[in-house]
Each structure stands twice: as C-alpha cells, then as structure tokens.
C-alpha cells in the first residue's frame, strides 16, 4: 500500500522515527520530555553560568588596577548603601595572592564544566547524565551539610534542600524506569 492512502498516515521528517511510527515533534527521540529533568537541567545551567562569572571575576582580580577600581567604586557609593560587608570582602579578596585567585578561577571553571555536562545530558534526557548527576550531587552534600553546620543561612539551607530533592528524584527515576526506558534496554 502506498504511503498517504486512507489507511496509512503521511509521515513527515519531523514526525517519523526510524521505525516509521509517528511521535510528537517536541519529544526527543519519540519519547515524552520529563519536565522535572528539564528543570534540573536549567538549574545546572544557571549554576554553571554563576561559576563562569565567578571564575572570570577571580581571574580579573589578579590585576591590581581592577581591584583598586572596584574598591574606589564602592567607597564612592558612601552611605547610599550598606557597603561595609562589600568593602570587607574586597579587602579579603585583595589580600589573596595571584596564585590563589588563579586556583579559585580554575576551580570555578572545572565545576562549571561539570554542571554544563550534567545540564546538557539532562536536557537531552540521557541516562548517563542522570547517573553522573546522582554521583556528583551526592558527593557535594556532605560539604553542604558541613557548611550549613558552620553557619546557618537561608541560601545554604535552600541549596541543600534543592540538591536533596534533585538527588531523591533522580534516584527514584533510576529505580523506576519509564516504559520507553524499558523498551530501549530490552532491544539491546
């Protein structure tokens, strides 16, 4: 029977799979997109962007003229905002030797690369990314608990809570595969 007759639907490049079965164009590889996995990927992308900014900032602070410009800018703001914590932070950063700023910048870039890898894999709904994210997230939780015990703040508590939720969801997802995951593993 020719394609396009009454009994057989016409399949376009956007809706056809290798097996000729139609699937929605928004679903990667013929499966429904997991929205929570997509949110986790976006969270990983945001963390990577923040770390890239931190790394670039640390490397820029190696130049003493940049440090002086930042310090004079915050001193010029005067009493318009509470600049004491910012000035204290700038003083501490200004006292760091260039090798330590390079180390901070390099470490930030390495963590950003990990978060980008996790984010891209999760965005593409890859199983290896779920395993990688479980391992990486679980390995950071003890450090987050330690930091939270040293000084309890809302951002630290929120970060720990989010990471525990991400970890719990991914472990649940890995233990309870969806039908498309079962089909993929049974074909191999």
C-alpha atoms as a PDB file:
ATOM      1  CA  UNK A   1       0.000   0.000   0.000  1.00  0.00           C
ATOM      2  CA  UNK A   2       1.401   3.428  -0.922  1.00  0.00           C
ATOM      3  CA  UNK A   3       2.102   5.937   1.751  1.00  0.00           C
ATOM      4  CA  UNK A   4      -0.601   8.594   2.112  1.00  0.00           C
ATOM      5  CA  UNK A   5      -3.628   6.409   1.399  1.00  0.00           C
ATOM      6  CA  UNK A   6      -6.644   6.440   3.670  1.00  0.00           C
ATOM      7  CA  UNK A   7      -5.311   3.617   5.884  1.00  0.00           C
ATOM      8  CA  UNK A   8      -1.768   4.890   6.325  1.00  0.00           C
ATOM      9  CA  UNK A   9      -0.809   8.378   7.574  1.00  0.00           C
ATOM     10  CA  UNK A  10       1.699  10.550   5.759  1.00  0.00           C
ATOM     11  CA  UNK A  11       4.819  10.848   7.915  1.00  0.00           C
ATOM     12  CA  UNK A  12       6.959  13.940   7.662  1.00  0.00           C
ATOM     13  CA  UNK A  13      10.618  14.203   8.687  1.00  0.00           C
ATOM     14  CA  UNK A  14       9.564  15.906  11.924  1.00  0.00           C
ATOM     15  CA  UNK A  15       7.110  13.191  12.999  1.00  0.00           C
ATOM     16  CA  UNK A  16       8.695   9.991  11.721  1.00  0.00           C
ATOM     17  CA  UNK A  17      11.034   7.738  13.635  1.00  0.00           C
ATOM     18  CA  UNK A  18      13.346   5.142  12.159  1.00  0.00           C
ATOM     19  CA  UNK A  19      10.593   2.560  12.638  1.00  0.00           C
ATOM     20  CA  UNK A  20       8.026   4.702  10.823  1.00  0.00           C
ATOM     21  CA  UNK A  21       5.863   5.327  13.898  1.00  0.00           C
ATOM     22  CA  UNK A  22       4.680   8.924  14.433  1.00  0.00           C
ATOM     23  CA  UNK A  23       5.716  10.836  17.528  1.00  0.00           C
ATOM     24  CA  UNK A  24       5.258  14.434  18.625  1.00  0.00           C
ATOM     25  CA  UNK A  25       7.997  16.737  17.259  1.00  0.00           C
ATOM     26  CA  UNK A  26       8.704  18.207  20.727  1.00  0.00           C
ATOM     27  CA  UNK A  27       9.622  14.858  22.224  1.00  0.00           C
ATOM     28  CA  UNK A  28      13.275  13.831  21.845  1.00  0.00           C
ATOM     29  CA  UNK A  29      13.675  10.509  20.047  1.00  0.00           C
ATOM     30  CA  UNK A  30       9.960   9.727  20.190  1.00  0.00           C
ATOM     31  CA  UNK A  31       9.549   9.898  23.958  1.00  0.00           C
ATOM     32  CA  UNK A  32       7.807  12.375  26.173  1.00  0.00           C
ATOM     33  CA  UNK A  33      10.053  15.015  27.742  1.00  0.00           C
ATOM     34  CA  UNK A  34      10.409  14.779  31.517  1.00  0.00           C
ATOM     35  CA  UNK A  35       9.657  18.301  32.755  1.00  0.00           C
ATOM     36  CA  UNK A  36      11.376  17.815  36.107  1.00  0.00           C
ATOM     37  CA  UNK A  37      14.528  16.628  34.351  1.00  0.00           C
ATOM     38  CA  UNK A  38      14.336  19.753  32.166  1.00  0.00           C
ATOM     39  CA  UNK A  39      14.039  21.960  35.285  1.00  0.00           C
ATOM     40  CA  UNK A  40      17.049  20.233  36.834  1.00  0.00           C
ATOM     41  CA  UNK A  41      18.988  20.863  33.607  1.00  0.00           C
ATOM     42  CA  UNK A  42      18.078  24.566  33.712  1.00  0.00           C
ATOM     43  CA  UNK A  43      19.192  24.683  37.365  1.00  0.00           C
ATOM     44  CA  UNK A  44      22.538  23.138  36.346  1.00  0.00           C
ATOM     45  CA  UNK A  45      22.912  25.702  33.537  1.00  0.00           C
ATOM     46  CA  UNK A  46      22.269  28.557  35.991  1.00  0.00           C
ATOM     47  CA  UNK A  47      24.875  27.190  38.415  1.00  0.00           C
ATOM     48  CA  UNK A  48      27.371  26.862  35.559  1.00  0.00           C
ATOM     49  CA  UNK A  49      26.757  30.471  34.489  1.00  0.00           C
ATOM     50  CA  UNK A  50      27.321  31.720  38.049  1.00  0.00           C
ATOM     51  CA  UNK A  51      30.559  29.729  38.331  1.00  0.00           C
ATOM     52  CA  UNK A  52      31.821  31.008  34.980  1.00  0.00           C
ATOM     53  CA  UNK A  53      31.170  34.552  36.218  1.00  0.00           C
ATOM     54  CA  UNK A  54      32.989  33.790  39.470  1.00  0.00           C
ATOM     55  CA  UNK A  55      35.946  32.309  37.591  1.00  0.00           C
ATOM     56  CA  UNK A  56      36.209  35.282  35.255  1.00  0.00           C
ATOM     57  CA  UNK A  57      35.925  37.669  38.193  1.00  0.00           C
ATOM     58  CA  UNK A  58      38.660  35.870  40.132  1.00  0.00           C
ATOM     59  CA  UNK A  59      40.989  35.986  37.147  1.00  0.00           C
ATOM     60  CA  UNK A  60      40.259  39.677  36.578  1.00  0.00           C
ATOM     61  CA  UNK A  61      41.106  40.467  40.204  1.00  0.00           C
ATOM     62  CA  UNK A  62      44.675  39.323  39.619  1.00  0.00           C
ATOM     63  CA  UNK A  63      45.206  42.739  38.068  1.00  0.00           C
ATOM     64  CA  UNK A  64      45.685  45.219  40.909  1.00  0.00           C
ATOM     65  CA  UNK A  65      44.180  48.106  38.889  1.00  0.00           C
ATOM     66  CA  UNK A  66      40.845  46.251  38.710  1.00  0.00           C
ATOM     67  CA  UNK A  67      40.895  45.692  42.481  1.00  0.00           C
ATOM     68  CA  UNK A  68      41.555  49.381  43.077  1.00  0.00           C
ATOM     69  CA  UNK A  69      38.775  50.414  40.674  1.00  0.00           C
ATOM     70  CA  UNK A  70      36.285  48.133  42.458  1.00  0.00           C
ATOM     71  CA  UNK A  71      37.351  49.406  45.874  1.00  0.00           C
ATOM     72  CA  UNK A  72      37.104  53.089  44.849  1.00  0.00           C
ATOM     73  CA  UNK A  73      33.708  52.497  43.222  1.00  0.00           C
ATOM     74  CA  UNK A  74      32.247  51.003  46.424  1.00  0.00           C
ATOM     75  CA  UNK A  75      33.851  53.718  48.591  1.00  0.00           C
ATOM     76  CA  UNK A  76      32.332  56.382  46.298  1.00  0.00           C
ATOM     77  CA  UNK A  77      28.873  54.937  46.961  1.00  0.00           C
ATOM     78  CA  UNK A  78      29.391  56.002  50.556  1.00  0.00           C
ATOM     79  CA  UNK A  79      26.368  55.712  52.767  1.00  0.00           C
ATOM     80  CA  UNK A  80      23.849  55.254  49.951  1.00  0.00           C
ATOM     81  CA  UNK A  81      24.001  51.504  50.574  1.00  0.00           C
ATOM     82  CA  UNK A  82      25.484  49.339  53.274  1.00  0.00           C
ATOM     83  CA  UNK A  83      28.939  48.890  51.742  1.00  0.00           C
ATOM     84  CA  UNK A  84      30.739  47.645  54.850  1.00  0.00           C
ATOM     85  CA  UNK A  85      30.299  43.928  54.012  1.00  0.00           C
ATOM     86  CA  UNK A  86      31.307  44.561  50.399  1.00  0.00           C
ATOM     87  CA  UNK A  87      34.399  46.526  51.430  1.00  0.00           C
ATOM     88  CA  UNK A  88      35.334  43.796  53.910  1.00  0.00           C
ATOM     89  CA  UNK A  89      35.006  41.182  51.147  1.00  0.00           C
ATOM     90  CA  UNK A  90      37.059  43.312  48.747  1.00  0.00           C
ATOM     91  CA  UNK A  91      39.751  43.730  51.392  1.00  0.00           C
ATOM     92  CA  UNK A  92      39.904  39.964  51.911  1.00  0.00           C
ATOM     93  CA  UNK A  93      39.984  39.285  48.177  1.00  0.00           C
ATOM     94  CA  UNK A  94      42.579  41.990  47.664  1.00  0.00           C
ATOM     95  CA  UNK A  95      44.834  40.255  50.163  1.00  0.00           C
ATOM     96  CA  UNK A  96      44.757  36.996  48.199  1.00  0.00           C
ATOM     97  CA  UNK A  97      47.917  36.254  46.238  1.00  0.00           C
ATOM     98  CA  UNK A  98      47.577  35.879  42.442  1.00  0.00           C
ATOM     99  CA  UNK A  99      48.209  32.100  42.574  1.00  0.00           C
ATOM    100  CA  UNK A 100      45.201  31.656  44.858  1.00  0.00           C
ATOM    101  CA  UNK A 101      42.993  33.766  42.579  1.00  0.00           C
ATOM    102  CA  UNK A 102      44.100  31.569  39.649  1.00  0.00           C
ATOM    103  CA  UNK A 103      43.241  28.484  41.711  1.00  0.00           C
ATOM    104  CA  UNK A 104      39.791  29.879  42.531  1.00  0.00           C
ATOM    105  CA  UNK A 105      39.203  30.763  38.870  1.00  0.00           C
ATOM    106  CA  UNK A 106      40.353  27.354  37.646  1.00  0.00           C
ATOM    107  CA  UNK A 107      38.260  25.522  40.232  1.00  0.00           C
ATOM    108  CA  UNK A 108      35.195  27.565  39.283  1.00  0.00           C
ATOM    109  CA  UNK A 109      35.719  26.685  35.612  1.00  0.00           C
ATOM    110  CA  UNK A 110      36.085  22.967  36.423  1.00  0.00           C
ATOM    111  CA  UNK A 111      32.857  22.937  38.445  1.00  0.00           C
ATOM    112  CA  UNK A 112      31.138  24.913  35.667  1.00  0.00           C
ATOM    113  CA  UNK A 113      32.272  22.273  33.153  1.00  0.00           C
ATOM    114  CA  UNK A 114      30.785  19.537  35.361  1.00  0.00           C
ATOM    115  CA  UNK A 115      27.478  21.412  35.704  1.00  0.00           C
ATOM    116  CA  UNK A 116      27.364  22.102  31.952  1.00  0.00           C
ATOM    117  CA  UNK A 117      27.981  18.415  31.213  1.00  0.00           C
ATOM    118  CA  UNK A 118      25.210  17.427  33.629  1.00  0.00           C
ATOM    119  CA  UNK A 119      22.873  20.086  32.241  1.00  0.00           C
ATOM    120  CA  UNK A 120      23.407  19.158  28.591  1.00  0.00           C
ATOM    121  CA  UNK A 121      22.968  15.462  29.319  1.00  0.00           C
ATOM    122  CA  UNK A 122      19.829  16.035  31.381  1.00  0.00           C
ATOM    123  CA  UNK A 123      18.431  18.434  28.772  1.00  0.00           C
ATOM    124  CA  UNK A 124      18.903  15.707  26.156  1.00  0.00           C
ATOM    125  CA  UNK A 125      17.286  13.211  28.570  1.00  0.00           C
ATOM    126  CA  UNK A 126      20.338  10.934  28.664  1.00  0.00           C
ATOM    127  CA  UNK A 127      20.523   8.174  31.260  1.00  0.00           C
ATOM    128  CA  UNK A 128      24.301   8.614  31.771  1.00  0.00           C
ATOM    129  CA  UNK A 129      23.613  12.214  32.829  1.00  0.00           C
ATOM    130  CA  UNK A 130      21.206  11.005  35.485  1.00  0.00           C
ATOM    131  CA  UNK A 131      23.904   8.713  36.917  1.00  0.00           C
ATOM    132  CA  UNK A 132      26.535  11.471  36.695  1.00  0.00           C
ATOM    133  CA  UNK A 133      24.250  13.958  38.433  1.00  0.00           C
ATOM    134  CA  UNK A 134      23.428  11.479  41.214  1.00  0.00           C
ATOM    135  CA  UNK A 135      27.121  10.811  41.838  1.00  0.00           C
ATOM    136  CA  UNK A 136      28.160  14.477  41.687  1.00  0.00           C
ATOM    137  CA  UNK A 137      25.243  15.761  43.763  1.00  0.00           C
ATOM    138  CA  UNK A 138      25.635  13.056  46.404  1.00  0.00           C
ATOM    139  CA  UNK A 139      29.352  13.822  46.688  1.00  0.00           C
ATOM    140  CA  UNK A 140      28.688  17.530  47.379  1.00  0.00           C
ATOM    141  CA  UNK A 141      26.010  17.024  50.055  1.00  0.00           C
ATOM    142  CA  UNK A 142      28.436  16.274  52.940  1.00  0.00           C
ATOM    143  CA  UNK A 143      30.278  19.554  52.227  1.00  0.00           C
ATOM    144  CA  UNK A 144      26.991  21.449  52.109  1.00  0.00           C
ATOM    145  CA  UNK A 145      25.937  19.937  55.457  1.00  0.00           C
ATOM    146  CA  UNK A 146      29.314  20.896  56.947  1.00  0.00           C
ATOM    147  CA  UNK A 147      28.987  24.489  55.689  1.00  0.00           C
ATOM    148  CA  UNK A 148      25.421  24.670  56.966  1.00  0.00           C
ATOM    149  CA  UNK A 149      26.542  23.439  60.393  1.00  0.00           C
ATOM    150  CA  UNK A 150      29.289  26.071  60.479  1.00  0.00           C
ATOM    151  CA  UNK A 151      26.889  28.893  59.654  1.00  0.00           C
ATOM    152  CA  UNK A 152      23.173  28.503  59.114  1.00  0.00           C
ATOM    153  CA  UNK A 153      21.870  30.790  56.359  1.00  0.00           C
ATOM    154  CA  UNK A 154      18.750  30.622  54.203  1.00  0.00           C
ATOM    155  CA  UNK A 155      20.669  30.363  50.893  1.00  0.00           C
ATOM    156  CA  UNK A 156      22.762  27.455  52.209  1.00  0.00           C
ATOM    157  CA  UNK A 157      19.702  25.690  53.579  1.00  0.00           C
ATOM    158  CA  UNK A 158      17.819  26.249  50.310  1.00  0.00           C
ATOM    159  CA  UNK A 159      20.737  24.928  48.240  1.00  0.00           C
ATOM    160  CA  UNK A 160      20.950  21.809  50.393  1.00  0.00           C
ATOM    161  CA  UNK A 161      17.190  21.240  50.210  1.00  0.00           C
ATOM    162  CA  UNK A 162      17.172  21.642  46.406  1.00  0.00           C
ATOM    163  CA  UNK A 163      20.111  19.269  45.991  1.00  0.00           C
ATOM    164  CA  UNK A 164      18.471  16.654  48.241  1.00  0.00           C
ATOM    165  CA  UNK A 165      15.255  16.913  46.200  1.00  0.00           C
ATOM    166  CA  UNK A 166      17.209  16.590  42.926  1.00  0.00           C
ATOM    167  CA  UNK A 167      19.066  13.582  44.299  1.00  0.00           C
ATOM    168  CA  UNK A 168      15.878  11.902  45.567  1.00  0.00           C
ATOM    169  CA  UNK A 169      14.067  12.439  42.247  1.00  0.00           C
ATOM    170  CA  UNK A 170      16.936  11.118  40.151  1.00  0.00           C
ATOM    171  CA  UNK A 171      17.392   8.046  42.355  1.00  0.00           C
ATOM    172  CA  UNK A 172      13.647   7.377  42.135  1.00  0.00           C
ATOM    173  CA  UNK A 173      13.763   7.849  38.355  1.00  0.00           C
ATOM    174  CA  UNK A 174      16.707   5.475  38.000  1.00  0.00           C
ATOM    175  CA  UNK A 175      14.963   2.814  40.127  1.00  0.00           C
ATOM    176  CA  UNK A 176      11.612   3.188  38.336  1.00  0.00           C
ATOM    177  CA  UNK A 177      12.327   3.441  34.613  1.00  0.00           C
ATOM    178  CA  UNK A 178       9.542   4.600  32.339  1.00  0.00           C
ATOM    179  CA  UNK A 179       8.168   2.428  29.565  1.00  0.00           C
ATOM    180  CA  UNK A 180      10.400   3.967  26.882  1.00  0.00           C
ATOM    181  CA  UNK A 181      13.471   3.250  29.014  1.00  0.00           C
ATOM    182  CA  UNK A 182      12.365  -0.360  29.435  1.00  0.00           C
ATOM    183  CA  UNK A 183      11.855  -0.661  25.666  1.00  0.00           C
ATOM    184  CA  UNK A 184      15.319   0.752  24.962  1.00  0.00           C
ATOM    185  CA  UNK A 185      17.029  -1.639  27.373  1.00  0.00           C
ATOM    186  CA  UNK A 186      15.049  -4.674  26.133  1.00  0.00           C
ATOM    187  CA  UNK A 187      16.112  -4.071  22.485  1.00  0.00           C
ATOM    188  CA  UNK A 188      19.817  -4.242  23.344  1.00  0.00           C
END
